[in-house]
Amino acid sequence: MRPTSSCGPHLSPHAIGHTGFTGTSLWIDPDRDLYVVMLTNRVHPRSEGTADGIRDLRVAMHSAVAEAWTR
């Protein structure tokens, strides 16, 4: 994965994903038989927040799930 990816460093190079403005994300890693769905609402109650915080949260959450995942 690219170091700038929101999926973090633990998913395989074949992982695919998508993120949304409100902080949601979906990553599917076919090599690890793993998918991660994150549902958030970073615009409630205000939409003035920065994208940096949600990016850091995405990386931390995806990394924690990937590290804990065993088949």
PDB file of N, CA and C in Angstrom:
ATOM      1  N   MET A   1       0.831  -1.188   0.000  1.00  0.00           N
ATOM      2  CA  MET A   1       0.000   0.000   0.000  1.00  0.00           C
ATOM      3  C   MET A   1       0.873   1.247   0.000  1.00  0.00           C
ATOM      4  N   ARG A   2       0.359   2.286  -0.518  1.00  0.00           N
ATOM      5  CA  ARG A   2       1.071   3.551  -0.505  1.00  0.00           C
ATOM      6  C   ARG A   2       1.034   4.130   0.903  1.00  0.00           C
ATOM      7  N   PRO A   3       2.085   4.789   1.327  1.00  0.00           N
ATOM      8  CA  PRO A   3       2.122   5.342   2.686  1.00  0.00           C
ATOM      9  C   PRO A   3       1.035   6.376   2.942  1.00  0.00           C
ATOM     10  N   THR A   4       0.495   6.955   1.886  1.00  0.00           N
ATOM     11  CA  THR A   4      -0.556   7.962   2.056  1.00  0.00           C
ATOM     12  C   THR A   4      -1.954   7.360   2.079  1.00  0.00           C
ATOM     13  N   SER A   5      -2.058   6.054   1.956  1.00  0.00           N
ATOM     14  CA  SER A   5      -3.357   5.404   1.889  1.00  0.00           C
ATOM     15  C   SER A   5      -4.060   5.411   3.239  1.00  0.00           C
ATOM     16  N   SER A   6      -5.370   5.575   3.213  1.00  0.00           N
ATOM     17  CA  SER A   6      -6.143   5.580   4.455  1.00  0.00           C
ATOM     18  C   SER A   6      -6.319   4.188   5.042  1.00  0.00           C
ATOM     19  N   CYS A   7      -5.908   3.141   4.321  1.00  0.00           N
ATOM     20  CA  CYS A   7      -6.072   1.791   4.860  1.00  0.00           C
ATOM     21  C   CYS A   7      -4.945   1.406   5.796  1.00  0.00           C
ATOM     22  N   GLY A   8      -3.900   2.218   5.881  1.00  0.00           N
ATOM     23  CA  GLY A   8      -2.782   1.895   6.749  1.00  0.00           C
ATOM     24  C   GLY A   8      -1.798   0.960   6.069  1.00  0.00           C
ATOM     25  N   PRO A   9      -0.762   0.556   6.778  1.00  0.00           N
ATOM     26  CA  PRO A   9       0.332  -0.203   6.169  1.00  0.00           C
ATOM     27  C   PRO A   9       0.159  -1.719   6.151  1.00  0.00           C
ATOM     28  N   HIS A  10      -0.931  -2.246   6.694  1.00  0.00           N
ATOM     29  CA  HIS A  10      -1.022  -3.690   6.884  1.00  0.00           C
ATOM     30  C   HIS A  10      -1.841  -4.438   5.834  1.00  0.00           C
ATOM     31  N   LEU A  11      -2.579  -3.743   5.005  1.00  0.00           N
ATOM     32  CA  LEU A  11      -3.337  -4.438   3.970  1.00  0.00           C
ATOM     33  C   LEU A  11      -2.433  -4.704   2.773  1.00  0.00           C
ATOM     34  N   SER A  12      -2.802  -5.690   1.968  1.00  0.00           N
ATOM     35  CA  SER A  12      -1.962  -6.096   0.844  1.00  0.00           C
ATOM     36  C   SER A  12      -2.025  -5.072  -0.293  1.00  0.00           C
ATOM     37  N   PRO A  13      -1.088  -5.163  -1.228  1.00  0.00           N
ATOM     38  CA  PRO A  13      -1.106  -4.265  -2.390  1.00  0.00           C
ATOM     39  C   PRO A  13      -2.337  -4.453  -3.280  1.00  0.00           C
ATOM     40  N   HIS A  14      -3.045  -5.562  -3.115  1.00  0.00           N
ATOM     41  CA  HIS A  14      -4.246  -5.816  -3.909  1.00  0.00           C
ATOM     42  C   HIS A  14      -5.514  -5.272  -3.262  1.00  0.00           C
ATOM     43  N   ALA A  15      -5.402  -4.697  -2.086  1.00  0.00           N
ATOM     44  CA  ALA A  15      -6.573  -4.138  -1.404  1.00  0.00           C
ATOM     45  C   ALA A  15      -7.140  -2.966  -2.199  1.00  0.00           C
ATOM     46  N   ILE A  16      -8.453  -2.866  -2.189  1.00  0.00           N
ATOM     47  CA  ILE A  16      -9.121  -1.753  -2.855  1.00  0.00           C
ATOM     48  C   ILE A  16     -10.040  -1.083  -1.843  1.00  0.00           C
ATOM     49  N   GLY A  17     -10.241   0.208  -2.002  1.00  0.00           N
ATOM     50  CA  GLY A  17     -11.074   0.900  -1.042  1.00  0.00           C
ATOM     51  C   GLY A  17     -11.645   2.188  -1.572  1.00  0.00           C
ATOM     52  N   HIS A  18     -12.518   2.742  -0.765  1.00  0.00           N
ATOM     53  CA  HIS A  18     -13.163   4.007  -1.097  1.00  0.00           C
ATOM     54  C   HIS A  18     -13.462   4.738   0.206  1.00  0.00           C
ATOM     55  N   THR A  19     -13.314   6.050   0.183  1.00  0.00           N
ATOM     56  CA  THR A  19     -13.640   6.862   1.353  1.00  0.00           C
ATOM     57  C   THR A  19     -14.679   7.902   0.975  1.00  0.00           C
ATOM     58  N   GLY A  20     -15.379   8.384   1.995  1.00  0.00           N
ATOM     59  CA  GLY A  20     -16.403   9.393   1.771  1.00  0.00           C
ATOM     60  C   GLY A  20     -16.132  10.655   2.571  1.00  0.00           C
ATOM     61  N   PHE A  21     -16.763  11.749   2.180  1.00  0.00           N
ATOM     62  CA  PHE A  21     -16.561  13.047   2.804  1.00  0.00           C
ATOM     63  C   PHE A  21     -16.874  13.028   4.296  1.00  0.00           C
ATOM     64  N   THR A  22     -17.874  12.284   4.706  1.00  0.00           N
ATOM     65  CA  THR A  22     -18.270  12.281   6.117  1.00  0.00           C
ATOM     66  C   THR A  22     -17.387  11.400   6.985  1.00  0.00           C
ATOM     67  N   GLY A  23     -16.375  10.778   6.395  1.00  0.00           N
ATOM     68  CA  GLY A  23     -15.447   9.970   7.168  1.00  0.00           C
ATOM     69  C   GLY A  23     -15.610   8.482   6.964  1.00  0.00           C
ATOM     70  N   THR A  24     -16.615   8.082   6.216  1.00  0.00           N
ATOM     71  CA  THR A  24     -16.823   6.656   5.982  1.00  0.00           C
ATOM     72  C   THR A  24     -15.700   6.079   5.130  1.00  0.00           C
ATOM     73  N   SER A  25     -15.504   4.784   5.240  1.00  0.00           N
ATOM     74  CA  SER A  25     -14.544   4.116   4.366  1.00  0.00           C
ATOM     75  C   SER A  25     -14.883   2.643   4.249  1.00  0.00           C
ATOM     76  N   LEU A  26     -14.462   2.073   3.140  1.00  0.00           N
ATOM     77  CA  LEU A  26     -14.619   0.648   2.876  1.00  0.00           C
ATOM     78  C   LEU A  26     -13.318   0.171   2.251  1.00  0.00           C
ATOM     79  N   TRP A  27     -12.715  -0.857   2.830  1.00  0.00           N
ATOM     80  CA  TRP A  27     -11.510  -1.471   2.271  1.00  0.00           C
ATOM     81  C   TRP A  27     -11.721  -2.971   2.194  1.00  0.00           C
ATOM     82  N   ILE A  28     -11.368  -3.542   1.061  1.00  0.00           N
ATOM     83  CA  ILE A  28     -11.475  -4.984   0.828  1.00  0.00           C
ATOM     84  C   ILE A  28     -10.091  -5.492   0.433  1.00  0.00           C
ATOM     85  N   ASP A  29      -9.631  -6.497   1.170  1.00  0.00           N
ATOM     86  CA  ASP A  29      -8.328  -7.082   0.895  1.00  0.00           C
ATOM     87  C   ASP A  29      -8.527  -8.552   0.534  1.00  0.00           C
ATOM     88  N   PRO A  30      -8.553  -8.871  -0.773  1.00  0.00           N
ATOM     89  CA  PRO A  30      -8.792 -10.260  -1.174  1.00  0.00           C
ATOM     90  C   PRO A  30      -7.666 -11.214  -0.774  1.00  0.00           C
ATOM     91  N   ASP A  31      -6.447 -10.718  -0.659  1.00  0.00           N
ATOM     92  CA  ASP A  31      -5.333 -11.580  -0.266  1.00  0.00           C
ATOM     93  C   ASP A  31      -5.464 -12.059   1.180  1.00  0.00           C
ATOM     94  N   ARG A  32      -6.043 -11.233   2.020  1.00  0.00           N
ATOM     95  CA  ARG A  32      -6.186 -11.589   3.433  1.00  0.00           C
ATOM     96  C   ARG A  32      -7.597 -12.052   3.778  1.00  0.00           C
ATOM     97  N   ASP A  33      -8.503 -12.068   2.784  1.00  0.00           N
ATOM     98  CA  ASP A  33      -9.902 -12.420   3.006  1.00  0.00           C
ATOM     99  C   ASP A  33     -10.491 -11.526   4.107  1.00  0.00           C
ATOM    100  N   LEU A  34     -10.312 -10.224   3.938  1.00  0.00           N
ATOM    101  CA  LEU A  34     -10.673  -9.249   4.964  1.00  0.00           C
ATOM    102  C   LEU A  34     -11.376  -8.062   4.325  1.00  0.00           C
ATOM    103  N   TYR A  35     -12.434  -7.619   4.961  1.00  0.00           N
ATOM    104  CA  TYR A  35     -13.017  -6.349   4.566  1.00  0.00           C
ATOM    105  C   TYR A  35     -13.291  -5.538   5.823  1.00  0.00           C
ATOM    106  N   VAL A  36     -13.156  -4.230   5.703  1.00  0.00           N
ATOM    107  CA  VAL A  36     -13.335  -3.328   6.836  1.00  0.00           C
ATOM    108  C   VAL A  36     -14.259  -2.199   6.392  1.00  0.00           C
ATOM    109  N   VAL A  37     -15.324  -1.991   7.145  1.00  0.00           N
ATOM    110  CA  VAL A  37     -16.269  -0.911   6.880  1.00  0.00           C
ATOM    111  C   VAL A  37     -16.260   0.026   8.084  1.00  0.00           C
ATOM    112  N   MET A  38     -16.066   1.296   7.833  1.00  0.00           N
ATOM    113  CA  MET A  38     -16.081   2.290   8.910  1.00  0.00           C
ATOM    114  C   MET A  38     -17.164   3.316   8.582  1.00  0.00           C
ATOM    115  N   LEU A  39     -18.134   3.439   9.478  1.00  0.00           N
ATOM    116  CA  LEU A  39     -19.212   4.400   9.301  1.00  0.00           C
ATOM    117  C   LEU A  39     -19.064   5.505  10.340  1.00  0.00           C
ATOM    118  N   THR A  40     -18.927   6.723   9.885  1.00  0.00           N
ATOM    119  CA  THR A  40     -18.761   7.863  10.782  1.00  0.00           C
ATOM    120  C   THR A  40     -19.577   9.036  10.264  1.00  0.00           C
ATOM    121  N   ASN A  41     -19.633  10.076  11.071  1.00  0.00           N
ATOM    122  CA  ASN A  41     -20.286  11.308  10.639  1.00  0.00           C
ATOM    123  C   ASN A  41     -19.473  12.475  11.183  1.00  0.00           C
ATOM    124  N   ARG A  42     -18.386  12.805  10.523  1.00  0.00           N
ATOM    125  CA  ARG A  42     -17.502  13.862  11.003  1.00  0.00           C
ATOM    126  C   ARG A  42     -18.081  15.251  10.812  1.00  0.00           C
ATOM    127  N   VAL A  43     -19.208  15.392  10.140  1.00  0.00           N
ATOM    128  CA  VAL A  43     -19.798  16.712   9.918  1.00  0.00           C
ATOM    129  C   VAL A  43     -20.876  17.054  10.945  1.00  0.00           C
ATOM    130  N   HIS A  44     -21.153  16.171  11.884  1.00  0.00           N
ATOM    131  CA  HIS A  44     -22.152  16.448  12.917  1.00  0.00           C
ATOM    132  C   HIS A  44     -21.458  16.810  14.214  1.00  0.00           C
ATOM    133  N   PRO A  45     -21.766  17.816  14.887  1.00  0.00           N
ATOM    134  CA  PRO A  45     -22.815  18.797  14.597  1.00  0.00           C
ATOM    135  C   PRO A  45     -22.344  19.951  13.708  1.00  0.00           C
ATOM    136  N   ARG A  46     -21.035  20.011  13.379  1.00  0.00           N
ATOM    137  CA  ARG A  46     -20.527  21.089  12.516  1.00  0.00           C
ATOM    138  C   ARG A  46     -19.668  20.474  11.418  1.00  0.00           C
ATOM    139  N   SER A  47     -19.601  21.142  10.303  1.00  0.00           N
ATOM    140  CA  SER A  47     -18.798  20.619   9.185  1.00  0.00           C
ATOM    141  C   SER A  47     -17.491  21.380   9.007  1.00  0.00           C
ATOM    142  N   GLU A  48     -17.064  22.129  10.026  1.00  0.00           N
ATOM    143  CA  GLU A  48     -15.826  22.905   9.901  1.00  0.00           C
ATOM    144  C   GLU A  48     -14.568  22.107  10.218  1.00  0.00           C
ATOM    145  N   GLY A  49     -14.674  20.846  10.550  1.00  0.00           N
ATOM    146  CA  GLY A  49     -13.517  20.046  10.934  1.00  0.00           C
ATOM    147  C   GLY A  49     -12.535  19.853   9.793  1.00  0.00           C
ATOM    148  N   THR A  50     -11.345  19.404  10.142  1.00  0.00           N
ATOM    149  CA  THR A  50     -10.325  19.149   9.122  1.00  0.00           C
ATOM    150  C   THR A  50     -10.344  17.686   8.720  1.00  0.00           C
ATOM    151  N   ALA A  51      -9.796  17.395   7.569  1.00  0.00           N
ATOM    152  CA  ALA A  51      -9.722  16.019   7.084  1.00  0.00           C
ATOM    153  C   ALA A  51      -8.580  15.254   7.743  1.00  0.00           C
ATOM    154  N   ASP A  52      -7.617  15.957   8.343  1.00  0.00           N
ATOM    155  CA  ASP A  52      -6.466  15.284   8.950  1.00  0.00           C
ATOM    156  C   ASP A  52      -6.881  14.348  10.084  1.00  0.00           C
ATOM    157  N   GLY A  53      -7.781  14.791  10.922  1.00  0.00           N
ATOM    158  CA  GLY A  53      -8.205  13.970  12.054  1.00  0.00           C
ATOM    159  C   GLY A  53      -8.877  12.689  11.613  1.00  0.00           C
ATOM    160  N   ILE A  54      -9.756  12.775  10.622  1.00  0.00           N
ATOM    161  CA  ILE A  54     -10.455  11.576  10.170  1.00  0.00           C
ATOM    162  C   ILE A  54      -9.495  10.654   9.425  1.00  0.00           C
ATOM    163  N   ARG A  55      -8.512  11.210   8.715  1.00  0.00           N
ATOM    164  CA  ARG A  55      -7.525  10.361   8.041  1.00  0.00           C
ATOM    165  C   ARG A  55      -6.721   9.574   9.067  1.00  0.00           C
ATOM    166  N   ASP A  56      -6.292  10.236  10.115  1.00  0.00           N
ATOM    167  CA  ASP A  56      -5.537   9.545  11.170  1.00  0.00           C
ATOM    168  C   ASP A  56      -6.382   8.465  11.825  1.00  0.00           C
ATOM    169  N   LEU A  57      -7.654   8.757  12.053  1.00  0.00           N
ATOM    170  CA  LEU A  57      -8.556   7.769  12.647  1.00  0.00           C
ATOM    171  C   LEU A  57      -8.734   6.572  11.716  1.00  0.00           C
ATOM    172  N   ARG A  58      -8.899   6.833  10.422  1.00  0.00           N
ATOM    173  CA  ARG A  58      -9.043   5.731   9.458  1.00  0.00           C
ATOM    174  C   ARG A  58      -7.814   4.821   9.479  1.00  0.00           C
ATOM    175  N   VAL A  59      -6.625   5.408   9.416  1.00  0.00           N
ATOM    176  CA  VAL A  59      -5.394   4.609   9.410  1.00  0.00           C
ATOM    177  C   VAL A  59      -5.293   3.789  10.692  1.00  0.00           C
ATOM    178  N   ALA A  60      -5.560   4.410  11.843  1.00  0.00           N
ATOM    179  CA  ALA A  60      -5.474   3.699  13.123  1.00  0.00           C
ATOM    180  C   ALA A  60      -6.486   2.557  13.202  1.00  0.00           C
ATOM    181  N   MET A  61      -7.704   2.809  12.756  1.00  0.00           N
ATOM    182  CA  MET A  61      -8.747   1.783  12.833  1.00  0.00           C
ATOM    183  C   MET A  61      -8.457   0.633  11.876  1.00  0.00           C
ATOM    184  N   HIS A  62      -8.113   0.935  10.631  1.00  0.00           N
ATOM    185  CA  HIS A  62      -7.812  -0.118   9.665  1.00  0.00           C
ATOM    186  C   HIS A  62      -6.580  -0.919  10.094  1.00  0.00           C
ATOM    187  N   SER A  63      -5.584  -0.249  10.639  1.00  0.00           N
ATOM    188  CA  SER A  63      -4.383  -0.943  11.107  1.00  0.00           C
ATOM    189  C   SER A  63      -4.706  -1.872  12.267  1.00  0.00           C
ATOM    190  N   ALA A  64      -5.520  -1.418  13.215  1.00  0.00           N
ATOM    191  CA  ALA A  64      -5.879  -2.250  14.362  1.00  0.00           C
ATOM    192  C   ALA A  64      -6.648  -3.494  13.928  1.00  0.00           C
ATOM    193  N   VAL A  65      -7.590  -3.332  13.006  1.00  0.00           N
ATOM    194  CA  VAL A  65      -8.350  -4.482  12.512  1.00  0.00           C
ATOM    195  C   VAL A  65      -7.433  -5.448  11.760  1.00  0.00           C
ATOM    196  N   ALA A  66      -6.585  -4.929  10.888  1.00  0.00           N
ATOM    197  CA  ALA A  66      -5.689  -5.789  10.102  1.00  0.00           C
ATOM    198  C   ALA A  66      -4.710  -6.538  10.998  1.00  0.00           C
ATOM    199  N   GLU A  67      -4.187  -5.881  12.019  1.00  0.00           N
ATOM    200  CA  GLU A  67      -3.260  -6.551  12.931  1.00  0.00           C
ATOM    201  C   GLU A  67      -3.944  -7.645  13.731  1.00  0.00           C
ATOM    202  N   ALA A  68      -5.199  -7.452  14.064  1.00  0.00           N
ATOM    203  CA  ALA A  68      -5.933  -8.420  14.883  1.00  0.00           C
ATOM    204  C   ALA A  68      -6.520  -9.569  14.047  1.00  0.00           C
ATOM    205  N   TRP A  69      -6.610  -9.397  12.729  1.00  0.00           N
ATOM    206  CA  TRP A  69      -7.273 -10.363  11.869  1.00  0.00           C
ATOM    207  C   TRP A  69      -6.423 -11.612  11.664  1.00  0.00           C
ATOM    208  N   THR A  70      -7.019 -12.758  11.938  1.00  0.00           N
ATOM    209  CA  THR A  70      -6.435 -14.057  11.590  1.00  0.00           C
ATOM    210  C   THR A  70      -7.546 -14.889  10.984  1.00  0.00           C
ATOM    211  N   ARG A  71      -7.181 -15.702  10.022  1.00  0.00           N
ATOM    212  CA  ARG A  71      -8.198 -16.549   9.377  1.00  0.00           C
ATOM    213  C   ARG A  71      -8.495 -17.752  10.213  1.00  0.00           C
TER     214      ARG A  71
END
